[in-house]
Amino acid sequence: MKRCDTMTDVRAAIDAVDRDIVPLLLERLRYIERAGVIKQNRDTVHDDARIEDVVSKVRACAREHGGSADYVEDIYRYLIGWSIDHEFTVWDRVHDRDEQPDGQS
């Protein structure tokens, strides 16, 4: 963390962190989209055990970095919910096409 003595410093530091976070979020989204293609059964898109595993891991990571596990969990639960909705959209788009007779849309 950089030393910030003014609000200009704070805002610049936050902007720099955001520039690091956004590409990682987009990379994560590409993996979510890939999962929507790979999964053969729509019922596997929402996986409670996997959700709790991810939440447990990010809470532990937050604690390891001396931060608030609750803060990170709240963000991740929102991120996971949005990701699941998006994965359903991808799954439906990819797999509905596969189920059309004679390649019709």
Protein backbone atom coordinates (compact mmCIF):
# COMPACT_ATOMS: atom_id res chain seq x y z
CA MET A 1 0.00 0.00 0.00
CA LYS A 2 1.26 3.43 -0.95
CA ARG A 3 1.42 6.28 1.51
CA CYS A 4 -1.36 8.74 0.77
CA ASP A 5 -1.35 12.21 2.32
CA THR A 6 -4.11 13.80 0.24
CA MET A 7 -7.40 12.74 -1.28
CA THR A 8 -5.74 13.09 -4.68
CA ASP A 9 -3.19 10.50 -3.56
CA VAL A 10 -5.95 8.20 -2.25
CA ARG A 11 -7.96 8.47 -5.47
CA ALA A 12 -4.91 7.84 -7.63
CA ALA A 13 -4.05 4.75 -5.57
CA ILE A 14 -7.62 3.43 -5.83
CA ASP A 15 -7.60 4.02 -9.59
CA ALA A 16 -4.33 2.07 -9.85
CA VAL A 17 -5.79 -0.84 -7.86
CA ASP A 18 -8.88 -0.80 -10.09
CA ARG A 19 -6.67 -1.01 -13.18
CA ASP A 20 -5.17 -4.18 -11.66
CA ILE A 21 -8.52 -5.67 -10.58
CA VAL A 22 -10.51 -5.18 -13.80
CA PRO A 23 -8.33 -7.40 -16.04
CA LEU A 24 -8.46 -10.13 -13.38
CA LEU A 25 -12.24 -9.90 -13.17
CA LEU A 26 -12.46 -10.19 -16.95
CA GLU A 27 -10.14 -13.20 -16.91
CA ARG A 28 -12.35 -14.81 -14.27
CA LEU A 29 -15.38 -14.11 -16.46
CA ARG A 30 -13.77 -15.88 -19.41
CA TYR A 31 -13.32 -18.98 -17.22
CA ILE A 32 -16.98 -18.75 -16.18
CA GLU A 33 -17.96 -18.60 -19.84
CA ARG A 34 -15.78 -21.60 -20.61
CA ALA A 35 -17.47 -23.54 -17.80
CA GLY A 36 -20.83 -22.78 -19.43
CA VAL A 37 -19.55 -24.40 -22.61
CA ILE A 38 -17.91 -27.41 -20.95
CA LYS A 39 -20.67 -28.42 -18.54
CA GLN A 40 -22.98 -30.95 -20.15
CA ASN A 41 -25.81 -30.68 -17.62
CA ARG A 42 -27.52 -27.37 -16.81
CA ASP A 43 -28.16 -28.63 -13.27
CA THR A 44 -24.42 -28.46 -12.57
CA VAL A 45 -24.16 -24.71 -13.24
CA HIS A 46 -25.26 -23.86 -9.68
CA ASP A 47 -23.12 -25.89 -7.26
CA ASP A 48 -23.62 -25.07 -3.57
CA ALA A 49 -20.56 -27.06 -2.49
CA ARG A 50 -18.33 -25.18 -4.95
CA ILE A 51 -19.77 -21.83 -3.83
CA GLU A 52 -18.94 -22.56 -0.19
CA ASP A 53 -15.48 -23.84 -1.18
CA VAL A 54 -14.72 -20.59 -3.02
CA VAL A 55 -16.06 -18.47 -0.17
CA SER A 56 -14.00 -20.41 2.36
CA LYS A 57 -10.85 -19.93 0.28
CA VAL A 58 -11.32 -16.20 -0.25
CA ARG A 59 -12.10 -15.66 3.44
CA ALA A 60 -8.87 -17.45 4.34
CA CYS A 61 -6.97 -15.36 1.78
CA ALA A 62 -8.39 -12.16 3.27
CA ARG A 63 -7.31 -13.21 6.76
CA GLU A 64 -3.82 -14.11 5.48
CA HIS A 65 -3.53 -10.57 4.13
CA GLY A 66 -4.76 -9.04 7.38
CA GLY A 67 -8.06 -7.91 5.91
CA SER A 68 -11.75 -8.30 6.56
CA ALA A 69 -13.01 -11.76 5.64
CA ASP A 70 -16.60 -10.47 5.85
CA TYR A 71 -15.91 -7.72 3.31
CA VAL A 72 -14.35 -10.17 0.87
CA GLU A 73 -17.13 -12.72 1.40
CA ASP A 74 -19.83 -10.14 0.66
CA ILE A 75 -18.12 -9.13 -2.58
CA TYR A 76 -17.56 -12.73 -3.63
CA ARG A 77 -21.11 -13.84 -2.90
CA TYR A 78 -22.32 -11.08 -5.21
CA LEU A 79 -19.66 -11.98 -7.81
CA ILE A 80 -20.54 -15.67 -7.63
CA GLY A 81 -24.27 -14.97 -7.98
CA TRP A 82 -23.67 -12.76 -11.03
CA SER A 83 -21.29 -15.36 -12.47
CA ILE A 84 -23.81 -18.18 -12.06
CA ASP A 85 -26.48 -16.12 -13.83
CA HIS A 86 -24.03 -15.41 -16.65
CA GLU A 87 -22.99 -19.05 -16.87
CA PHE A 88 -26.67 -20.06 -17.22
CA THR A 89 -26.96 -17.59 -20.11
CA VAL A 90 -23.89 -19.06 -21.79
CA TRP A 91 -25.04 -22.63 -21.14
CA ASP A 92 -28.48 -21.94 -22.60
CA ARG A 93 -27.03 -20.25 -25.68
CA VAL A 94 -24.53 -23.04 -26.37
CA HIS A 95 -26.58 -26.08 -25.44
CA ASP A 96 -29.97 -25.01 -26.76
CA ARG A 97 -28.36 -24.77 -30.18
CA ASP A 98 -27.17 -28.38 -29.79
CA GLU A 99 -30.70 -29.57 -29.04
CA GLN A 100 -32.35 -28.15 -32.18
CA PRO A 101 -33.28 -30.86 -34.74
CA ASP A 102 -31.36 -30.77 -38.02
CA GLY A 103 -29.32 -27.78 -36.90
CA GLN A 104 -32.36 -25.45 -36.95
CA SER A 105 -32.39 -22.44 -34.65
